[in-house]
Amino acid sequence: MIAELMKFHPDVANALAAGRPVVALESTLITHGLPHPINLEVAQAMEQAVRDNGATPATIAVLRGQITVGLTSEQLTYLAQATNVRKCSRRDFPIVLAQKGDGATTVAGTMIVAHLAGIKVFATGGIGGVHRGHPVDVSADLLELAQTPVAVVCAGAKAILDLPLTLEVLETHGVPVVGYGCAEFPAFYSRSSGLPLDVRCDTVEEIAAMIRAREQLGFRTGMLITNPIPAADELPAEIAEAAIQQALQEADAQGIRGKETTPFLLARVSELTGDRSRAANIALLKNNARVAAQIAKAIV
């Protein structure tokens, strides 16, 4: 039944059938995270980074009511310019599929499809988390990490969030948070948040061993692999935080809530930093795709 709802790009299908490494990529960064044509350029660059490091990219989306695992260049171009696209997390799939609509998968949505497709590693920018000043506003990404066994490579949680509370929720749900080459939780735009991590790994082989151990135990939790933005590309923490604070005040003043909050904050921070935050975002996305491909290769 599920197979009838999913369509695979031939390259992805062949790689999975042959046991070769595949890396899942999300699509909300294309539809909601970056403006056109930068969104298309970044999506293509992330796919190329995966290929350059020995794995097959599988960008995931819902197109006209069909879950699509691996997009063609034409489909990427279409999605980069589409306007009526629903962000897809767990709650949204039945709606989009039944209405034959287009959907862009969030971190949670991409994890779900990746697991169903047999893809073990997923690269994104930053996960969702607990919103600052709104501790009951918890991203579905955290709940999905608690119940879907996919390894997520990211630069931490988005810096606009409450990072300490986000880590607390992950700990409560038993999600391993591993630092790749770092002993502190990355702060998305910046390499460090001052929040210590329990586990540091300096090789992809170490991370692959942990993923295998989790599989052998039969645990259903995901794993969060935090990969700091390259030092040359990071936005100084004080600049990022000043912009975030102003953006948060503006969001509260305008009554922006729920799913509209993150796109507003990210766009406003980009404006306030003269697009320096966007440049950092793009750099960390490519870096995460590279590392995810190396981890996927190490698992095989």
C-alpha atoms as a PDB file:
ATOM      1  CA  MET A   1       0.000   0.000   0.000  1.00  0.00           C
ATOM      2  CA  ILE A   2       2.747   2.439   0.963  1.00  0.00           C
ATOM      3  CA  ALA A   3       4.714   1.507  -2.165  1.00  0.00           C
ATOM      4  CA  GLU A   4       1.796   2.724  -4.281  1.00  0.00           C
ATOM      5  CA  LEU A   5       2.114   6.187  -2.735  1.00  0.00           C
ATOM      6  CA  MET A   6       5.852   6.533  -3.417  1.00  0.00           C
ATOM      7  CA  LYS A   7       7.777   7.139  -6.619  1.00  0.00           C
ATOM      8  CA  PHE A   8      11.563   6.719  -6.743  1.00  0.00           C
ATOM      9  CA  HIS A   9      14.048   8.428  -9.023  1.00  0.00           C
ATOM     10  CA  PRO A  10      15.803   5.626 -10.962  1.00  0.00           C
ATOM     11  CA  ASP A  11      19.202   6.579  -9.518  1.00  0.00           C
ATOM     12  CA  VAL A  12      17.842   6.327  -5.963  1.00  0.00           C
ATOM     13  CA  ALA A  13      16.011   3.059  -6.634  1.00  0.00           C
ATOM     14  CA  ASN A  14      19.113   1.498  -8.167  1.00  0.00           C
ATOM     15  CA  ALA A  15      21.371   2.652  -5.325  1.00  0.00           C
ATOM     16  CA  LEU A  16      19.030   1.292  -2.663  1.00  0.00           C
ATOM     17  CA  ALA A  17      18.616  -2.020  -4.482  1.00  0.00           C
ATOM     18  CA  ALA A  18      22.391  -2.389  -4.779  1.00  0.00           C
ATOM     19  CA  GLY A  19      23.054  -1.416  -1.157  1.00  0.00           C
ATOM     20  CA  ARG A  20      24.939   1.736  -2.122  1.00  0.00           C
ATOM     21  CA  PRO A  21      24.888   4.842   0.132  1.00  0.00           C
ATOM     22  CA  VAL A  22      21.971   7.256  -0.223  1.00  0.00           C
ATOM     23  CA  VAL A  23      21.405  10.573   1.566  1.00  0.00           C
ATOM     24  CA  ALA A  24      17.946  12.071   2.019  1.00  0.00           C
ATOM     25  CA  LEU A  25      17.509  15.830   1.561  1.00  0.00           C
ATOM     26  CA  GLU A  26      14.528  17.947   2.592  1.00  0.00           C
ATOM     27  CA  SER A  27      12.499  20.252   0.379  1.00  0.00           C
ATOM     28  CA  THR A  28      11.170  22.970   2.707  1.00  0.00           C
ATOM     29  CA  LEU A  29      14.465  24.803   2.351  1.00  0.00           C
ATOM     30  CA  ILE A  30      13.587  25.060  -1.350  1.00  0.00           C
ATOM     31  CA  THR A  31       9.993  26.238  -0.951  1.00  0.00           C
ATOM     32  CA  HIS A  32      10.080  28.117   2.357  1.00  0.00           C
ATOM     33  CA  GLY A  33      13.708  28.606   3.373  1.00  0.00           C
ATOM     34  CA  LEU A  34      15.367  30.493   0.529  1.00  0.00           C
ATOM     35  CA  PRO A  35      14.183  32.827  -2.260  1.00  0.00           C
ATOM     36  CA  HIS A  36      14.275  31.942  -5.943  1.00  0.00           C
ATOM     37  CA  PRO A  37      16.691  31.392  -7.698  1.00  0.00           C
ATOM     38  CA  ILE A  38      19.037  30.899  -4.728  1.00  0.00           C
ATOM     39  CA  ASN A  39      16.857  28.028  -3.494  1.00  0.00           C
ATOM     40  CA  LEU A  40      17.371  26.057  -6.698  1.00  0.00           C
ATOM     41  CA  GLU A  41      21.107  26.746  -6.769  1.00  0.00           C
ATOM     42  CA  VAL A  42      21.507  25.561  -3.169  1.00  0.00           C
ATOM     43  CA  ALA A  43      19.386  22.447  -3.711  1.00  0.00           C
ATOM     44  CA  GLN A  44      21.519  21.541  -6.726  1.00  0.00           C
ATOM     45  CA  ALA A  45      24.733  22.279  -4.812  1.00  0.00           C
ATOM     46  CA  MET A  46      23.665  20.034  -1.918  1.00  0.00           C
ATOM     47  CA  GLU A  47      22.889  17.193  -4.294  1.00  0.00           C
ATOM     48  CA  GLN A  48      26.270  17.656  -5.963  1.00  0.00           C
ATOM     49  CA  ALA A  49      28.036  17.668  -2.586  1.00  0.00           C
ATOM     50  CA  VAL A  50      26.442  14.301  -1.838  1.00  0.00           C
ATOM     51  CA  ARG A  51      27.535  12.912  -5.204  1.00  0.00           C
ATOM     52  CA  ASP A  52      31.071  14.297  -4.844  1.00  0.00           C
ATOM     53  CA  ASN A  53      31.399  12.365  -1.587  1.00  0.00           C
ATOM     54  CA  GLY A  54      30.317   9.029  -2.969  1.00  0.00           C
ATOM     55  CA  ALA A  55      26.582   8.819  -2.264  1.00  0.00           C
ATOM     56  CA  THR A  56      23.329   9.261  -4.168  1.00  0.00           C
ATOM     57  CA  PRO A  57      21.150  12.271  -3.216  1.00  0.00           C
ATOM     58  CA  ALA A  58      17.426  11.768  -2.658  1.00  0.00           C
ATOM     59  CA  THR A  59      15.606  15.078  -2.330  1.00  0.00           C
ATOM     60  CA  ILE A  60      12.139  14.283  -0.995  1.00  0.00           C
ATOM     61  CA  ALA A  61       8.848  16.057  -1.724  1.00  0.00           C
ATOM     62  CA  VAL A  62       5.183  15.433  -2.494  1.00  0.00           C
ATOM     63  CA  LEU A  63       4.317  16.265  -6.089  1.00  0.00           C
ATOM     64  CA  ARG A  64       0.682  16.220  -7.192  1.00  0.00           C
ATOM     65  CA  GLY A  65      -0.228  13.886  -4.379  1.00  0.00           C
ATOM     66  CA  GLN A  66       2.635  11.438  -4.805  1.00  0.00           C
ATOM     67  CA  ILE A  67       5.540  11.048  -2.397  1.00  0.00           C
ATOM     68  CA  THR A  68       8.638  11.453  -4.548  1.00  0.00           C
ATOM     69  CA  VAL A  69      12.013  10.131  -3.404  1.00  0.00           C
ATOM     70  CA  GLY A  70      14.693  11.761  -5.522  1.00  0.00           C
ATOM     71  CA  LEU A  71      13.750  14.629  -7.821  1.00  0.00           C
ATOM     72  CA  THR A  72      14.644  15.156 -11.460  1.00  0.00           C
ATOM     73  CA  SER A  73      16.183  18.473 -12.489  1.00  0.00           C
ATOM     74  CA  GLU A  74      12.806  19.462 -13.942  1.00  0.00           C
ATOM     75  CA  GLN A  75      11.042  18.641 -10.673  1.00  0.00           C
ATOM     76  CA  LEU A  76      13.590  20.631  -8.674  1.00  0.00           C
ATOM     77  CA  THR A  77      13.058  23.604 -10.980  1.00  0.00           C
ATOM     78  CA  TYR A  78       9.276  23.295 -10.642  1.00  0.00           C
ATOM     79  CA  LEU A  79       9.420  23.111  -6.852  1.00  0.00           C
ATOM     80  CA  ALA A  80      11.788  26.090  -6.636  1.00  0.00           C
ATOM     81  CA  GLN A  81       9.157  28.292  -8.330  1.00  0.00           C
ATOM     82  CA  ALA A  82       5.940  26.741  -6.986  1.00  0.00           C
ATOM     83  CA  THR A  83       3.805  28.887  -4.707  1.00  0.00           C
ATOM     84  CA  ASN A  84       0.982  26.738  -3.325  1.00  0.00           C
ATOM     85  CA  VAL A  85       3.115  24.208  -1.477  1.00  0.00           C
ATOM     86  CA  ARG A  86       2.202  22.864   1.959  1.00  0.00           C
ATOM     87  CA  LYS A  87       4.907  22.203   4.524  1.00  0.00           C
ATOM     88  CA  CYS A  88       4.680  18.478   5.245  1.00  0.00           C
ATOM     89  CA  SER A  89       5.232  17.005   8.659  1.00  0.00           C
ATOM     90  CA  ARG A  90       3.520  13.849   9.994  1.00  0.00           C
ATOM     91  CA  ARG A  91       0.098  15.482  10.298  1.00  0.00           C
ATOM     92  CA  ASP A  92       0.155  16.861   6.755  1.00  0.00           C
ATOM     93  CA  PHE A  93       0.814  13.824   4.565  1.00  0.00           C
ATOM     94  CA  PRO A  94      -2.773  12.464   4.546  1.00  0.00           C
ATOM     95  CA  ILE A  95      -4.080  15.913   3.619  1.00  0.00           C
ATOM     96  CA  VAL A  96      -1.648  16.579   0.762  1.00  0.00           C
ATOM     97  CA  LEU A  97      -1.916  13.073  -0.666  1.00  0.00           C
ATOM     98  CA  ALA A  98      -5.722  13.044  -0.569  1.00  0.00           C
ATOM     99  CA  GLN A  99      -5.946  16.495  -2.166  1.00  0.00           C
ATOM    100  CA  LYS A 100      -3.343  15.583  -4.826  1.00  0.00           C
ATOM    101  CA  GLY A 101      -1.365  18.642  -3.830  1.00  0.00           C
ATOM    102  CA  ASP A 102       2.287  19.616  -3.607  1.00  0.00           C
ATOM    103  CA  GLY A 103       4.137  19.304  -0.333  1.00  0.00           C
ATOM    104  CA  ALA A 104       7.619  20.218   0.858  1.00  0.00           C
ATOM    105  CA  THR A 105       8.946  17.927   3.559  1.00  0.00           C
ATOM    106  CA  THR A 106      10.192  19.359   6.834  1.00  0.00           C
ATOM    107  CA  VAL A 107      12.871  17.632   8.896  1.00  0.00           C
ATOM    108  CA  ALA A 108      10.157  15.448  10.447  1.00  0.00           C
ATOM    109  CA  GLY A 109       8.486  14.762   7.112  1.00  0.00           C
ATOM    110  CA  THR A 110      11.763  13.891   5.425  1.00  0.00           C
ATOM    111  CA  MET A 111      12.669  11.511   8.256  1.00  0.00           C
ATOM    112  CA  ILE A 112       9.371   9.662   7.843  1.00  0.00           C
ATOM    113  CA  VAL A 113       9.789   9.163   4.107  1.00  0.00           C
ATOM    114  CA  ALA A 114      13.481   8.332   4.388  1.00  0.00           C
ATOM    115  CA  HIS A 115      12.711   5.572   6.879  1.00  0.00           C
ATOM    116  CA  LEU A 116       9.912   4.166   4.720  1.00  0.00           C
ATOM    117  CA  ALA A 117      12.278   4.199   1.737  1.00  0.00           C
ATOM    118  CA  GLY A 118      15.135   2.507   3.600  1.00  0.00           C
ATOM    119  CA  ILE A 119      17.414   5.579   3.698  1.00  0.00           C
ATOM    120  CA  LYS A 120      19.406   5.789   6.933  1.00  0.00           C
ATOM    121  CA  VAL A 121      21.039   9.227   6.708  1.00  0.00           C
ATOM    122  CA  PHE A 122      19.508  12.650   6.131  1.00  0.00           C
ATOM    123  CA  ALA A 123      21.220  16.042   5.770  1.00  0.00           C
ATOM    124  CA  THR A 124      19.545  19.327   6.654  1.00  0.00           C
ATOM    125  CA  GLY A 125      20.532  22.787   7.855  1.00  0.00           C
ATOM    126  CA  GLY A 126      19.159  23.013  11.370  1.00  0.00           C
ATOM    127  CA  ILE A 127      16.362  21.155  13.106  1.00  0.00           C
ATOM    128  CA  GLY A 128      13.324  22.765  14.670  1.00  0.00           C
ATOM    129  CA  GLY A 129      13.046  22.906  18.435  1.00  0.00           C
ATOM    130  CA  VAL A 130      11.484  24.785  21.327  1.00  0.00           C
ATOM    131  CA  HIS A 131      10.591  28.382  20.482  1.00  0.00           C
ATOM    132  CA  ARG A 132      12.016  31.164  22.620  1.00  0.00           C
ATOM    133  CA  GLY A 133       9.459  32.581  25.021  1.00  0.00           C
ATOM    134  CA  HIS A 134       6.935  29.900  24.005  1.00  0.00           C
ATOM    135  CA  PRO A 135       8.044  26.676  25.729  1.00  0.00           C
ATOM    136  CA  VAL A 136       4.871  24.813  24.739  1.00  0.00           C
ATOM    137  CA  ASP A 137       5.612  25.507  21.050  1.00  0.00           C
ATOM    138  CA  VAL A 138       7.737  22.452  20.331  1.00  0.00           C
ATOM    139  CA  SER A 139       8.662  21.486  16.779  1.00  0.00           C
ATOM    140  CA  ALA A 140       7.421  18.170  15.421  1.00  0.00           C
ATOM    141  CA  ASP A 141      11.045  17.560  14.431  1.00  0.00           C
ATOM    142  CA  LEU A 142      11.905  16.709  18.049  1.00  0.00           C
ATOM    143  CA  LEU A 143       9.017  14.266  18.386  1.00  0.00           C
ATOM    144  CA  GLU A 144       9.958  12.603  15.116  1.00  0.00           C
ATOM    145  CA  LEU A 145      13.536  12.162  16.284  1.00  0.00           C
ATOM    146  CA  ALA A 146      12.063  10.317  19.253  1.00  0.00           C
ATOM    147  CA  GLN A 147      10.272   7.740  17.100  1.00  0.00           C
ATOM    148  CA  THR A 148      11.910   7.429  13.671  1.00  0.00           C
ATOM    149  CA  PRO A 149      15.323   5.720  13.315  1.00  0.00           C
ATOM    150  CA  VAL A 150      17.096   8.033  10.888  1.00  0.00           C
ATOM    151  CA  ALA A 151      20.450   9.726  11.477  1.00  0.00           C
ATOM    152  CA  VAL A 152      20.070  13.492  10.950  1.00  0.00           C
ATOM    153  CA  VAL A 153      23.140  15.568  10.125  1.00  0.00           C
ATOM    154  CA  CYS A 154      22.645  19.247  10.997  1.00  0.00           C
ATOM    155  CA  ALA A 155      24.386  22.348  12.326  1.00  0.00           C
ATOM    156  CA  GLY A 156      22.390  22.102  15.533  1.00  0.00           C
ATOM    157  CA  ALA A 157      18.953  23.640  15.970  1.00  0.00           C
ATOM    158  CA  LYS A 158      18.092  26.930  14.300  1.00  0.00           C
ATOM    159  CA  ALA A 159      19.634  29.738  16.360  1.00  0.00           C
ATOM    160  CA  ILE A 160      16.286  31.555  16.629  1.00  0.00           C
ATOM    161  CA  LEU A 161      15.152  28.796  19.021  1.00  0.00           C
ATOM    162  CA  ASP A 162      15.662  28.098  22.722  1.00  0.00           C
ATOM    163  CA  LEU A 163      18.698  25.834  22.436  1.00  0.00           C
ATOM    164  CA  PRO A 164      18.947  24.707  26.097  1.00  0.00           C
ATOM    165  CA  LEU A 165      15.272  23.666  26.171  1.00  0.00           C
ATOM    166  CA  THR A 166      15.621  21.974  22.789  1.00  0.00           C
ATOM    167  CA  LEU A 167      18.463  19.839  24.148  1.00  0.00           C
ATOM    168  CA  GLU A 168      16.386  19.029  27.236  1.00  0.00           C
ATOM    169  CA  VAL A 169      13.513  17.732  25.106  1.00  0.00           C
ATOM    170  CA  LEU A 170      15.877  15.592  23.034  1.00  0.00           C
ATOM    171  CA  GLU A 171      17.360  14.124  26.214  1.00  0.00           C
ATOM    172  CA  THR A 172      13.920  13.413  27.654  1.00  0.00           C
ATOM    173  CA  HIS A 173      13.003  11.452  24.545  1.00  0.00           C
ATOM    174  CA  GLY A 174      16.236   9.458  24.516  1.00  0.00           C
ATOM    175  CA  VAL A 175      17.662  10.916  21.315  1.00  0.00           C
ATOM    176  CA  PRO A 176      21.475  10.631  21.115  1.00  0.00           C
ATOM    177  CA  VAL A 177      23.077  13.971  20.228  1.00  0.00           C
ATOM    178  CA  VAL A 178      26.578  13.496  18.837  1.00  0.00           C
ATOM    179  CA  GLY A 179      29.080  16.231  18.092  1.00  0.00           C
ATOM    180  CA  TYR A 180      31.081  15.658  14.927  1.00  0.00           C
ATOM    181  CA  GLY A 181      34.412  17.291  15.626  1.00  0.00           C
ATOM    182  CA  CYS A 182      32.876  19.361  18.426  1.00  0.00           C
ATOM    183  CA  ALA A 183      32.161  19.058  22.150  1.00  0.00           C
ATOM    184  CA  GLU A 184      29.499  21.785  22.210  1.00  0.00           C
ATOM    185  CA  PHE A 185      26.096  21.995  20.560  1.00  0.00           C
ATOM    186  CA  PRO A 186      26.537  24.159  17.429  1.00  0.00           C
ATOM    187  CA  ALA A 187      24.413  27.306  17.246  1.00  0.00           C
ATOM    188  CA  PHE A 188      23.575  27.068  13.535  1.00  0.00           C
ATOM    189  CA  TYR A 189      25.136  30.316  12.256  1.00  0.00           C
ATOM    190  CA  SER A 190      27.919  29.994  14.842  1.00  0.00           C
ATOM    191  CA  ARG A 191      30.131  27.053  15.756  1.00  0.00           C
ATOM    192  CA  SER A 192      29.474  27.098  19.485  1.00  0.00           C
ATOM    193  CA  SER A 193      26.564  27.703  21.825  1.00  0.00           C
ATOM    194  CA  GLY A 194      28.334  27.103  25.143  1.00  0.00           C
ATOM    195  CA  LEU A 195      26.123  24.034  25.678  1.00  0.00           C
ATOM    196  CA  PRO A 196      28.259  20.910  26.245  1.00  0.00           C
ATOM    197  CA  LEU A 197      27.549  17.602  24.515  1.00  0.00           C
ATOM    198  CA  ASP A 198      28.023  14.180  26.080  1.00  0.00           C
ATOM    199  CA  VAL A 199      29.582  12.600  23.004  1.00  0.00           C
ATOM    200  CA  ARG A 200      32.161  13.798  20.506  1.00  0.00           C
ATOM    201  CA  CYS A 201      33.218  11.820  17.422  1.00  0.00           C
ATOM    202  CA  ASP A 202      36.085  12.866  15.188  1.00  0.00           C
ATOM    203  CA  THR A 203      35.601  10.296  12.410  1.00  0.00           C
ATOM    204  CA  VAL A 204      32.597   9.188  10.388  1.00  0.00           C
ATOM    205  CA  GLU A 205      33.517   5.592  11.216  1.00  0.00           C
ATOM    206  CA  GLU A 206      32.811   6.267  14.908  1.00  0.00           C
ATOM    207  CA  ILE A 207      29.401   7.672  14.021  1.00  0.00           C
ATOM    208  CA  ALA A 208      28.648   4.739  11.720  1.00  0.00           C
ATOM    209  CA  ALA A 209      29.460   2.331  14.564  1.00  0.00           C
ATOM    210  CA  MET A 210      26.933   4.097  16.806  1.00  0.00           C
ATOM    211  CA  ILE A 211      24.262   3.913  14.104  1.00  0.00           C
ATOM    212  CA  ARG A 212      24.893   0.177  13.690  1.00  0.00           C
ATOM    213  CA  ALA A 213      24.725  -0.359  17.461  1.00  0.00           C
ATOM    214  CA  ARG A 214      21.384   1.437  17.629  1.00  0.00           C
ATOM    215  CA  GLU A 215      20.062  -0.766  14.815  1.00  0.00           C
ATOM    216  CA  GLN A 216      21.254  -3.926  16.551  1.00  0.00           C
ATOM    217  CA  LEU A 217      19.412  -2.881  19.695  1.00  0.00           C
ATOM    218  CA  GLY A 218      16.255  -2.321  17.675  1.00  0.00           C
ATOM    219  CA  PHE A 219      15.789   1.174  19.060  1.00  0.00           C
ATOM    220  CA  ARG A 220      13.266   3.321  17.190  1.00  0.00           C
ATOM    221  CA  THR A 221      14.808   6.664  18.101  1.00  0.00           C
ATOM    222  CA  GLY A 222      16.686   8.761  15.584  1.00  0.00           C
ATOM    223  CA  MET A 223      20.180  10.124  16.081  1.00  0.00           C
ATOM    224  CA  LEU A 224      21.206  13.771  15.840  1.00  0.00           C
ATOM    225  CA  ILE A 225      24.683  14.369  14.429  1.00  0.00           C
ATOM    226  CA  THR A 226      25.707  17.981  14.935  1.00  0.00           C
ATOM    227  CA  ASN A 227      28.231  19.310  12.442  1.00  0.00           C
ATOM    228  CA  PRO A 228      29.413  22.899  13.083  1.00  0.00           C
ATOM    229  CA  ILE A 229      29.474  25.419  10.272  1.00  0.00           C
ATOM    230  CA  PRO A 230      33.017  25.791   8.832  1.00  0.00           C
ATOM    231  CA  ALA A 231      34.976  28.422  10.756  1.00  0.00           C
ATOM    232  CA  ALA A 232      35.504  30.566   7.667  1.00  0.00           C
ATOM    233  CA  ASP A 233      31.737  30.835   7.124  1.00  0.00           C
ATOM    234  CA  GLU A 234      30.369  31.352  10.626  1.00  0.00           C
ATOM    235  CA  LEU A 235      28.496  34.469  11.648  1.00  0.00           C
ATOM    236  CA  PRO A 236      29.836  35.875  14.948  1.00  0.00           C
ATOM    237  CA  ALA A 237      27.466  34.916  17.754  1.00  0.00           C
ATOM    238  CA  GLU A 238      26.983  38.487  18.970  1.00  0.00           C
ATOM    239  CA  ILE A 239      25.873  39.676  15.513  1.00  0.00           C
ATOM    240  CA  ALA A 240      23.499  36.754  15.086  1.00  0.00           C
ATOM    241  CA  GLU A 241      22.003  37.162  18.558  1.00  0.00           C
ATOM    242  CA  ALA A 242      21.397  40.913  18.160  1.00  0.00           C
ATOM    243  CA  ALA A 243      19.502  40.284  14.916  1.00  0.00           C
ATOM    244  CA  ILE A 244      17.548  37.399  16.438  1.00  0.00           C
ATOM    245  CA  GLN A 245      16.454  39.483  19.421  1.00  0.00           C
ATOM    246  CA  GLN A 246      15.184  42.270  17.174  1.00  0.00           C
ATOM    247  CA  ALA A 247      13.399  39.793  14.888  1.00  0.00           C
ATOM    248  CA  LEU A 248      11.736  38.121  17.891  1.00  0.00           C
ATOM    249  CA  GLN A 249      10.468  41.476  19.167  1.00  0.00           C
ATOM    250  CA  GLU A 250       9.052  42.307  15.743  1.00  0.00           C
ATOM    251  CA  ALA A 251       7.376  38.896  15.461  1.00  0.00           C
ATOM    252  CA  ASP A 252       5.683  39.370  18.849  1.00  0.00           C
ATOM    253  CA  ALA A 253       4.605  42.896  17.949  1.00  0.00           C
ATOM    254  CA  GLN A 254       3.063  41.654  14.704  1.00  0.00           C
ATOM    255  CA  GLY A 255       1.372  38.691  16.355  1.00  0.00           C
ATOM    256  CA  ILE A 256       3.211  36.123  14.244  1.00  0.00           C
ATOM    257  CA  ARG A 257       2.715  32.626  15.656  1.00  0.00           C
ATOM    258  CA  GLY A 258       2.899  28.949  14.764  1.00  0.00           C
ATOM    259  CA  LYS A 259       4.264  27.719  11.454  1.00  0.00           C
ATOM    260  CA  GLU A 260       4.754  31.261  10.165  1.00  0.00           C
ATOM    261  CA  THR A 261       7.234  32.094  12.922  1.00  0.00           C
ATOM    262  CA  THR A 262      10.347  30.357  11.643  1.00  0.00           C
ATOM    263  CA  PRO A 263      10.174  31.629   8.017  1.00  0.00           C
ATOM    264  CA  PHE A 264       9.571  35.180   9.288  1.00  0.00           C
ATOM    265  CA  LEU A 265      12.450  35.073  11.766  1.00  0.00           C
ATOM    266  CA  LEU A 266      14.934  33.576   9.321  1.00  0.00           C
ATOM    267  CA  ALA A 267      14.049  36.097   6.622  1.00  0.00           C
ATOM    268  CA  ARG A 268      14.201  39.037   9.042  1.00  0.00           C
ATOM    269  CA  VAL A 269      17.544  37.933  10.509  1.00  0.00           C
ATOM    270  CA  SER A 270      18.885  37.710   6.972  1.00  0.00           C
ATOM    271  CA  GLU A 271      17.753  41.284   6.291  1.00  0.00           C
ATOM    272  CA  LEU A 272      19.180  42.594   9.553  1.00  0.00           C
ATOM    273  CA  THR A 273      22.585  40.996   8.956  1.00  0.00           C
ATOM    274  CA  GLY A 274      22.866  42.169   5.377  1.00  0.00           C
ATOM    275  CA  ASP A 275      22.396  38.584   4.163  1.00  0.00           C
ATOM    276  CA  ARG A 276      25.427  37.400   6.146  1.00  0.00           C
ATOM    277  CA  SER A 277      23.179  34.899   7.931  1.00  0.00           C
ATOM    278  CA  ARG A 278      21.904  33.603   4.589  1.00  0.00           C
ATOM    279  CA  ALA A 279      25.470  33.085   3.355  1.00  0.00           C
ATOM    280  CA  ALA A 280      26.218  31.169   6.565  1.00  0.00           C
ATOM    281  CA  ASN A 281      23.052  29.107   6.107  1.00  0.00           C
ATOM    282  CA  ILE A 282      24.047  28.132   2.578  1.00  0.00           C
ATOM    283  CA  ALA A 283      27.580  27.206   3.659  1.00  0.00           C
ATOM    284  CA  LEU A 284      26.397  24.940   6.465  1.00  0.00           C
ATOM    285  CA  LEU A 285      23.835  23.239   4.215  1.00  0.00           C
ATOM    286  CA  LYS A 286      26.533  22.229   1.753  1.00  0.00           C
ATOM    287  CA  ASN A 287      28.845  21.154   4.563  1.00  0.00           C
ATOM    288  CA  ASN A 288      26.167  18.960   6.124  1.00  0.00           C
ATOM    289  CA  ALA A 289      25.430  17.297   2.784  1.00  0.00           C
ATOM    290  CA  ARG A 290      29.125  16.481   2.433  1.00  0.00           C
ATOM    291  CA  VAL A 291      29.421  14.942   5.896  1.00  0.00           C
ATOM    292  CA  ALA A 292      26.156  13.022   5.553  1.00  0.00           C
ATOM    293  CA  ALA A 293      27.419  11.377   2.379  1.00  0.00           C
ATOM    294  CA  GLN A 294      30.622  10.336   4.135  1.00  0.00           C
ATOM    295  CA  ILE A 295      28.615   8.833   7.009  1.00  0.00           C
ATOM    296  CA  ALA A 296      26.305   6.998   4.597  1.00  0.00           C
ATOM    297  CA  LYS A 297      29.364   5.510   2.902  1.00  0.00           C
ATOM    298  CA  ALA A 298      30.799   4.417   6.239  1.00  0.00           C
ATOM    299  CA  ILE A 299      27.580   2.577   7.162  1.00  0.00           C
ATOM    300  CA  VAL A 300      27.508   0.462   3.997  1.00  0.00           C
END
